[in-house]
Amino acid sequence: MAETKQIVMPGDLLDPSLGKPRNGAYKCGENQFCSSYFGIVQVSDQFVDVVPFSGPYYPRRGDKVIGKVIEVGPSMWIVDINSPYSTLLHMNDTPWRTQSGDIKKYLGPGDYVYAKVMSLNEIKESWITLKDVGLRKLEGGHITSVPAPKVPRIIGKGGSMVNMIKDATETRIVVGQNGLIWIDGTPDNVMIAIKAVKMVEKEAHTTGLTDRIQNYLKELKGE
């Protein structure tokens, strides 16, 4: 049976011997820290984080995200990045030589982009850009999603988990920090990759997951 990591509720005390509390914790007494979330305790280096099981995505400057164009204006696109707040992409922040009033031919409603959060304003609107290495319009492929807090587990340490799924299924995978995931390949391999991603999402709070996903992929492929 898979070993489960420590699960905490909001207000639960964190064990000070595990390290210095960082994300997902607050000071709740003299030399005491409590969990801010319902989630799992994650220990790394000298720090302890509480990773929430669920919750909305709040953009941060520098995040790489996948977004869906929902509206086209004269000089910018409104993009849904799975956040409670609006996100904008200006024509000057794309690699194309666009002209005002003629941008729909480059990106239209329903198109997806892999972009970077460039800035945020005081009302939490974000601006994204396609002007960086690897950023682009996503052509074809299939979009699936996981809760944004599960993204680090999908990626794995140094990209180990997502690379294992890519190699085993011979697919191309782009993971947005906002929880949207683009997968491209043959239909059968895309479905296998999605099933593996969903298993990681479901069992993100357990240990020994890499080995189980590896065996699960072999089983799905009939090896």
C-alpha atoms as a PDB file:
ATOM      1  CA  MET A   1       0.000   0.000   0.000  1.00  0.00           C
ATOM      2  CA  ALA A   2       1.242   3.489  -0.800  1.00  0.00           C
ATOM      3  CA  GLU A   3       2.603   5.468   2.113  1.00  0.00           C
ATOM      4  CA  THR A   4       0.663   8.689   2.697  1.00  0.00           C
ATOM      5  CA  LYS A   5       2.392  11.934   3.526  1.00  0.00           C
ATOM      6  CA  GLN A   6       1.277  13.930   6.568  1.00  0.00           C
ATOM      7  CA  ILE A   7      -2.074  15.619   5.965  1.00  0.00           C
ATOM      8  CA  VAL A   8      -2.866  18.786   7.919  1.00  0.00           C
ATOM      9  CA  MET A   9      -5.907  20.997   8.390  1.00  0.00           C
ATOM     10  CA  PRO A  10      -5.946  24.816   8.694  1.00  0.00           C
ATOM     11  CA  GLY A  11      -4.706  25.687  12.187  1.00  0.00           C
ATOM     12  CA  ASP A  12      -2.836  22.411  12.784  1.00  0.00           C
ATOM     13  CA  LEU A  13       0.562  22.822  14.455  1.00  0.00           C
ATOM     14  CA  LEU A  14       3.608  22.013  12.316  1.00  0.00           C
ATOM     15  CA  ASP A  15       6.414  19.929  13.774  1.00  0.00           C
ATOM     16  CA  PRO A  16       9.320  22.371  14.350  1.00  0.00           C
ATOM     17  CA  SER A  17      11.868  19.555  14.059  1.00  0.00           C
ATOM     18  CA  LEU A  18      11.082  19.171  10.340  1.00  0.00           C
ATOM     19  CA  GLY A  19      12.547  22.553   9.427  1.00  0.00           C
ATOM     20  CA  LYS A  20      11.692  26.220   9.107  1.00  0.00           C
ATOM     21  CA  PRO A  21       8.066  26.814   7.981  1.00  0.00           C
ATOM     22  CA  ARG A  22       7.785  28.675   4.693  1.00  0.00           C
ATOM     23  CA  ASN A  23       4.850  28.601   2.248  1.00  0.00           C
ATOM     24  CA  GLY A  24       1.424  27.696   3.596  1.00  0.00           C
ATOM     25  CA  ALA A  25       2.243  28.437   7.231  1.00  0.00           C
ATOM     26  CA  TYR A  26       1.811  31.286   9.694  1.00  0.00           C
ATOM     27  CA  LYS A  27       3.044  32.111  13.180  1.00  0.00           C
ATOM     28  CA  CYS A  28       0.423  31.083  15.724  1.00  0.00           C
ATOM     29  CA  GLY A  29       2.290  31.365  19.014  1.00  0.00           C
ATOM     30  CA  GLU A  30       5.691  31.755  20.611  1.00  0.00           C
ATOM     31  CA  ASN A  31       8.008  29.757  18.321  1.00  0.00           C
ATOM     32  CA  GLN A  32       4.982  27.962  16.865  1.00  0.00           C
ATOM     33  CA  PHE A  33       3.708  27.761  13.305  1.00  0.00           C
ATOM     34  CA  CYS A  34       0.363  26.491  12.019  1.00  0.00           C
ATOM     35  CA  SER A  35      -0.891  25.322   8.649  1.00  0.00           C
ATOM     36  CA  SER A  36      -2.784  27.803   6.480  1.00  0.00           C
ATOM     37  CA  TYR A  37      -4.338  25.092   4.318  1.00  0.00           C
ATOM     38  CA  PHE A  38      -5.903  21.679   4.117  1.00  0.00           C
ATOM     39  CA  GLY A  39      -3.033  19.944   2.402  1.00  0.00           C
ATOM     40  CA  ILE A  40       0.131  17.901   2.749  1.00  0.00           C
ATOM     41  CA  VAL A  41       3.357  18.694   4.563  1.00  0.00           C
ATOM     42  CA  GLN A  42       6.321  18.846   2.186  1.00  0.00           C
ATOM     43  CA  VAL A  43       9.873  18.913   3.551  1.00  0.00           C
ATOM     44  CA  SER A  44      12.768  20.183   1.409  1.00  0.00           C
ATOM     45  CA  ASP A  45      16.241  21.287   2.486  1.00  0.00           C
ATOM     46  CA  GLN A  46      15.729  23.113   5.778  1.00  0.00           C
ATOM     47  CA  PHE A  47      12.182  24.236   4.973  1.00  0.00           C
ATOM     48  CA  VAL A  48       8.654  22.948   5.473  1.00  0.00           C
ATOM     49  CA  ASP A  49       5.813  23.883   3.110  1.00  0.00           C
ATOM     50  CA  VAL A  50       2.115  23.052   3.210  1.00  0.00           C
ATOM     51  CA  VAL A  51       0.860  22.279  -0.298  1.00  0.00           C
ATOM     52  CA  PRO A  52      -2.932  22.747  -0.547  1.00  0.00           C
ATOM     53  CA  PHE A  53      -5.033  20.010  -2.126  1.00  0.00           C
ATOM     54  CA  SER A  54      -7.058  22.481  -4.153  1.00  0.00           C
ATOM     55  CA  GLY A  55      -7.667  26.141  -4.762  1.00  0.00           C
ATOM     56  CA  PRO A  56      -7.723  28.737  -7.549  1.00  0.00           C
ATOM     57  CA  TYR A  57      -4.634  29.761  -9.471  1.00  0.00           C
ATOM     58  CA  TYR A  58      -3.280  33.204  -8.623  1.00  0.00           C
ATOM     59  CA  PRO A  59      -0.747  34.413 -11.222  1.00  0.00           C
ATOM     60  CA  ARG A  60       2.760  35.402 -10.227  1.00  0.00           C
ATOM     61  CA  ARG A  61       5.254  37.317 -12.319  1.00  0.00           C
ATOM     62  CA  GLY A  62       7.377  34.887 -14.318  1.00  0.00           C
ATOM     63  CA  ASP A  63       4.920  31.979 -14.237  1.00  0.00           C
ATOM     64  CA  LYS A  64       4.646  29.971 -17.461  1.00  0.00           C
ATOM     65  CA  VAL A  65       0.958  29.325 -18.123  1.00  0.00           C
ATOM     66  CA  ILE A  66      -1.401  27.893 -20.731  1.00  0.00           C
ATOM     67  CA  GLY A  67      -4.284  30.177 -21.635  1.00  0.00           C
ATOM     68  CA  LYS A  68      -7.361  30.108 -23.848  1.00  0.00           C
ATOM     69  CA  VAL A  69      -8.298  33.154 -25.915  1.00  0.00           C
ATOM     70  CA  ILE A  70     -11.860  34.168 -25.041  1.00  0.00           C
ATOM     71  CA  GLU A  71     -12.163  37.602 -26.654  1.00  0.00           C
ATOM     72  CA  VAL A  72     -10.347  39.656 -29.299  1.00  0.00           C
ATOM     73  CA  GLY A  73     -10.113  43.451 -29.165  1.00  0.00           C
ATOM     74  CA  PRO A  74      -8.547  45.963 -31.575  1.00  0.00           C
ATOM     75  CA  SER A  75      -5.039  45.593 -30.110  1.00  0.00           C
ATOM     76  CA  MET A  76      -5.203  42.854 -27.467  1.00  0.00           C
ATOM     77  CA  TRP A  77      -6.660  39.503 -26.544  1.00  0.00           C
ATOM     78  CA  ILE A  78      -8.458  38.570 -23.326  1.00  0.00           C
ATOM     79  CA  VAL A  79      -7.133  35.202 -22.202  1.00  0.00           C
ATOM     80  CA  ASP A  80      -8.477  32.723 -19.640  1.00  0.00           C
ATOM     81  CA  ILE A  81      -5.594  31.333 -17.581  1.00  0.00           C
ATOM     82  CA  ASN A  82      -7.739  29.482 -15.045  1.00  0.00           C
ATOM     83  CA  SER A  83      -7.603  32.428 -12.626  1.00  0.00           C
ATOM     84  CA  PRO A  84     -10.351  34.501 -10.977  1.00  0.00           C
ATOM     85  CA  TYR A  85      -8.884  37.629 -12.575  1.00  0.00           C
ATOM     86  CA  SER A  86      -8.652  38.864 -16.163  1.00  0.00           C
ATOM     87  CA  THR A  87      -5.522  38.301 -18.222  1.00  0.00           C
ATOM     88  CA  LEU A  88      -4.508  40.377 -21.242  1.00  0.00           C
ATOM     89  CA  LEU A  89      -2.129  39.761 -24.152  1.00  0.00           C
ATOM     90  CA  HIS A  90      -1.164  42.885 -26.127  1.00  0.00           C
ATOM     91  CA  MET A  91      -0.235  42.605 -29.796  1.00  0.00           C
ATOM     92  CA  ASN A  92       3.204  44.101 -29.029  1.00  0.00           C
ATOM     93  CA  ASP A  93       3.931  41.154 -26.721  1.00  0.00           C
ATOM     94  CA  THR A  94       3.725  38.574 -29.514  1.00  0.00           C
ATOM     95  CA  PRO A  95       6.329  37.514 -32.098  1.00  0.00           C
ATOM     96  CA  TRP A  96       4.039  38.521 -34.984  1.00  0.00           C
ATOM     97  CA  ARG A  97       4.001  41.787 -36.922  1.00  0.00           C
ATOM     98  CA  THR A  98       0.428  42.650 -36.111  1.00  0.00           C
ATOM     99  CA  GLN A  99      -1.590  45.756 -36.837  1.00  0.00           C
ATOM    100  CA  SER A 100      -4.370  47.177 -34.710  1.00  0.00           C
ATOM    101  CA  GLY A 101      -7.734  45.859 -35.835  1.00  0.00           C
ATOM    102  CA  ASP A 102      -6.169  42.934 -37.691  1.00  0.00           C
ATOM    103  CA  ILE A 103      -5.074  40.633 -34.868  1.00  0.00           C
ATOM    104  CA  LYS A 104      -7.821  38.010 -35.062  1.00  0.00           C
ATOM    105  CA  LYS A 105      -6.052  36.191 -37.898  1.00  0.00           C
ATOM    106  CA  TYR A 106      -3.176  35.384 -35.513  1.00  0.00           C
ATOM    107  CA  LEU A 107      -5.233  34.289 -32.501  1.00  0.00           C
ATOM    108  CA  GLY A 108      -8.981  33.819 -32.314  1.00  0.00           C
ATOM    109  CA  PRO A 109     -11.450  32.700 -29.642  1.00  0.00           C
ATOM    110  CA  GLY A 110     -10.746  29.129 -28.598  1.00  0.00           C
ATOM    111  CA  ASP A 111      -7.032  29.200 -29.477  1.00  0.00           C
ATOM    112  CA  TYR A 112      -4.526  28.247 -26.795  1.00  0.00           C
ATOM    113  CA  VAL A 113      -1.173  29.861 -26.015  1.00  0.00           C
ATOM    114  CA  TYR A 114       1.787  28.954 -23.846  1.00  0.00           C
ATOM    115  CA  ALA A 115       2.752  32.284 -22.302  1.00  0.00           C
ATOM    116  CA  LYS A 116       4.596  33.943 -19.433  1.00  0.00           C
ATOM    117  CA  VAL A 117       3.064  36.232 -16.826  1.00  0.00           C
ATOM    118  CA  MET A 118       4.814  39.540 -17.417  1.00  0.00           C
ATOM    119  CA  SER A 119       3.190  41.868 -14.894  1.00  0.00           C
ATOM    120  CA  LEU A 120       0.327  42.305 -12.436  1.00  0.00           C
ATOM    121  CA  ASN A 121      -1.519  45.461 -11.473  1.00  0.00           C
ATOM    122  CA  GLU A 122      -3.160  46.622  -8.249  1.00  0.00           C
ATOM    123  CA  ILE A 123      -6.513  44.986  -9.094  1.00  0.00           C
ATOM    124  CA  LYS A 124      -4.802  41.657  -9.826  1.00  0.00           C
ATOM    125  CA  GLU A 125      -5.175  41.821 -13.607  1.00  0.00           C
ATOM    126  CA  SER A 126      -2.209  40.162 -15.289  1.00  0.00           C
ATOM    127  CA  TRP A 127      -0.472  40.762 -18.594  1.00  0.00           C
ATOM    128  CA  ILE A 128       1.133  37.864 -20.434  1.00  0.00           C
ATOM    129  CA  THR A 129       3.740  37.716 -23.183  1.00  0.00           C
ATOM    130  CA  LEU A 130       4.757  35.308 -25.941  1.00  0.00           C
ATOM    131  CA  LYS A 131       8.182  36.916 -26.296  1.00  0.00           C
ATOM    132  CA  ASP A 132      10.441  34.351 -24.662  1.00  0.00           C
ATOM    133  CA  VAL A 133      12.069  31.037 -25.547  1.00  0.00           C
ATOM    134  CA  GLY A 134       9.518  28.251 -26.024  1.00  0.00           C
ATOM    135  CA  LEU A 135       6.447  30.459 -25.739  1.00  0.00           C
ATOM    136  CA  ARG A 136       3.994  30.073 -28.612  1.00  0.00           C
ATOM    137  CA  LYS A 137       0.537  29.407 -29.939  1.00  0.00           C
ATOM    138  CA  LEU A 138      -0.331  25.773 -29.226  1.00  0.00           C
ATOM    139  CA  GLU A 139      -1.391  24.049 -32.425  1.00  0.00           C
ATOM    140  CA  GLY A 140      -3.419  20.834 -32.245  1.00  0.00           C
ATOM    141  CA  GLY A 141      -2.940  18.588 -29.259  1.00  0.00           C
ATOM    142  CA  HIS A 142      -5.317  18.020 -26.369  1.00  0.00           C
ATOM    143  CA  ILE A 143      -5.847  20.118 -23.232  1.00  0.00           C
ATOM    144  CA  THR A 144      -6.391  18.510 -19.847  1.00  0.00           C
ATOM    145  CA  SER A 145      -6.234  20.073 -16.399  1.00  0.00           C
ATOM    146  CA  VAL A 146      -5.286  19.434 -12.784  1.00  0.00           C
ATOM    147  CA  PRO A 147      -5.616  21.684  -9.726  1.00  0.00           C
ATOM    148  CA  ALA A 148      -2.783  24.224  -9.833  1.00  0.00           C
ATOM    149  CA  PRO A 149      -1.368  23.067  -6.447  1.00  0.00           C
ATOM    150  CA  LYS A 150      -0.749  19.602  -7.989  1.00  0.00           C
ATOM    151  CA  VAL A 151       1.471  20.943 -10.797  1.00  0.00           C
ATOM    152  CA  PRO A 152       4.803  20.454  -8.942  1.00  0.00           C
ATOM    153  CA  ARG A 153       3.926  16.771  -8.495  1.00  0.00           C
ATOM    154  CA  ILE A 154       3.026  16.420 -12.185  1.00  0.00           C
ATOM    155  CA  ILE A 155       6.384  17.917 -13.159  1.00  0.00           C
ATOM    156  CA  GLY A 156       8.392  16.014 -10.545  1.00  0.00           C
ATOM    157  CA  LYS A 157      11.842  16.770  -9.228  1.00  0.00           C
ATOM    158  CA  GLY A 158      13.903  18.222 -12.074  1.00  0.00           C
ATOM    159  CA  GLY A 159      11.093  17.339 -14.489  1.00  0.00           C
ATOM    160  CA  SER A 160      11.427  13.622 -13.719  1.00  0.00           C
ATOM    161  CA  MET A 161       7.721  12.740 -13.653  1.00  0.00           C
ATOM    162  CA  VAL A 162       6.586  14.582 -16.775  1.00  0.00           C
ATOM    163  CA  ASN A 163       9.657  13.437 -18.720  1.00  0.00           C
ATOM    164  CA  MET A 164       8.957   9.825 -17.778  1.00  0.00           C
ATOM    165  CA  ILE A 165       5.371  10.148 -19.066  1.00  0.00           C
ATOM    166  CA  LYS A 166       6.581  11.856 -22.270  1.00  0.00           C
ATOM    167  CA  ASP A 167       9.193   9.205 -22.976  1.00  0.00           C
ATOM    168  CA  ALA A 168       6.870   6.282 -22.252  1.00  0.00           C
ATOM    169  CA  THR A 169       4.052   7.647 -24.439  1.00  0.00           C
ATOM    170  CA  GLU A 170       6.137   9.345 -27.149  1.00  0.00           C
ATOM    171  CA  THR A 171       4.105  12.529 -26.670  1.00  0.00           C
ATOM    172  CA  ARG A 172       4.905  16.203 -26.379  1.00  0.00           C
ATOM    173  CA  ILE A 173       3.696  17.683 -23.105  1.00  0.00           C
ATOM    174  CA  VAL A 174       3.608  21.298 -21.925  1.00  0.00           C
ATOM    175  CA  VAL A 175       2.622  21.886 -18.297  1.00  0.00           C
ATOM    176  CA  GLY A 176       1.346  25.315 -17.296  1.00  0.00           C
ATOM    177  CA  GLN A 177       1.828  26.445 -13.721  1.00  0.00           C
ATOM    178  CA  ASN A 178      -1.869  27.318 -13.740  1.00  0.00           C
ATOM    179  CA  GLY A 179      -2.871  23.649 -13.988  1.00  0.00           C
ATOM    180  CA  LEU A 180      -3.598  23.406 -17.720  1.00  0.00           C
ATOM    181  CA  ILE A 181      -1.622  20.739 -19.597  1.00  0.00           C
ATOM    182  CA  TRP A 182      -1.195  20.377 -23.378  1.00  0.00           C
ATOM    183  CA  ILE A 183      -0.480  16.901 -24.742  1.00  0.00           C
ATOM    184  CA  ASP A 184       0.213  16.085 -28.393  1.00  0.00           C
ATOM    185  CA  GLY A 185       0.807  12.712 -30.030  1.00  0.00           C
ATOM    186  CA  THR A 186      -1.112   9.792 -31.479  1.00  0.00           C
ATOM    187  CA  PRO A 187      -4.656   9.496 -30.050  1.00  0.00           C
ATOM    188  CA  ASP A 188      -3.855   6.257 -28.191  1.00  0.00           C
ATOM    189  CA  ASN A 189      -0.673   7.643 -26.648  1.00  0.00           C
ATOM    190  CA  VAL A 190      -2.376  10.915 -25.679  1.00  0.00           C
ATOM    191  CA  MET A 191      -5.042   8.937 -23.799  1.00  0.00           C
ATOM    192  CA  ILE A 192      -2.375   6.909 -21.983  1.00  0.00           C
ATOM    193  CA  ALA A 193      -0.542  10.112 -21.022  1.00  0.00           C
ATOM    194  CA  ILE A 194      -3.762  11.677 -19.728  1.00  0.00           C
ATOM    195  CA  LYS A 195      -4.529   8.598 -17.611  1.00  0.00           C
ATOM    196  CA  ALA A 196      -1.022   8.769 -16.119  1.00  0.00           C
ATOM    197  CA  VAL A 197      -1.399  12.492 -15.370  1.00  0.00           C
ATOM    198  CA  LYS A 198      -4.739  11.859 -13.678  1.00  0.00           C
ATOM    199  CA  MET A 199      -3.206   9.096 -11.554  1.00  0.00           C
ATOM    200  CA  VAL A 200      -0.465  11.483 -10.425  1.00  0.00           C
ATOM    201  CA  GLU A 201      -3.151  14.054  -9.579  1.00  0.00           C
ATOM    202  CA  LYS A 202      -5.166  11.512  -7.589  1.00  0.00           C
ATOM    203  CA  GLU A 203      -2.199  10.130  -5.655  1.00  0.00           C
ATOM    204  CA  ALA A 204      -0.112  13.303  -5.345  1.00  0.00           C
ATOM    205  CA  HIS A 205      -0.180  13.037  -1.548  1.00  0.00           C
ATOM    206  CA  THR A 206       1.505   9.609  -1.505  1.00  0.00           C
ATOM    207  CA  THR A 207       5.133   8.527  -1.628  1.00  0.00           C
ATOM    208  CA  GLY A 208       6.674   5.983  -4.004  1.00  0.00           C
ATOM    209  CA  LEU A 209       4.557   7.457  -6.781  1.00  0.00           C
ATOM    210  CA  THR A 210       7.236   7.464  -9.485  1.00  0.00           C
ATOM    211  CA  ASP A 211       7.618   3.681  -9.410  1.00  0.00           C
ATOM    212  CA  ARG A 212       3.857   3.153  -9.448  1.00  0.00           C
ATOM    213  CA  ILE A 213       3.391   5.499 -12.415  1.00  0.00           C
ATOM    214  CA  GLN A 214       6.173   3.688 -14.265  1.00  0.00           C
ATOM    215  CA  ASN A 215       4.447   0.346 -13.698  1.00  0.00           C
ATOM    216  CA  TYR A 216       1.048   1.858 -14.557  1.00  0.00           C
ATOM    217  CA  LEU A 217       2.390   3.116 -17.885  1.00  0.00           C
ATOM    218  CA  LYS A 218       3.786  -0.334 -18.711  1.00  0.00           C
ATOM    219  CA  GLU A 219       0.419  -1.859 -17.864  1.00  0.00           C
ATOM    220  CA  LEU A 220      -1.473   0.619 -20.046  1.00  0.00           C
ATOM    221  CA  LYS A 221       0.877  -0.084 -22.947  1.00  0.00           C
ATOM    222  CA  GLY A 222       0.544  -3.851 -22.469  1.00  0.00           C
ATOM    223  CA  GLU A 223       4.218  -4.364 -21.667  1.00  0.00           C
END
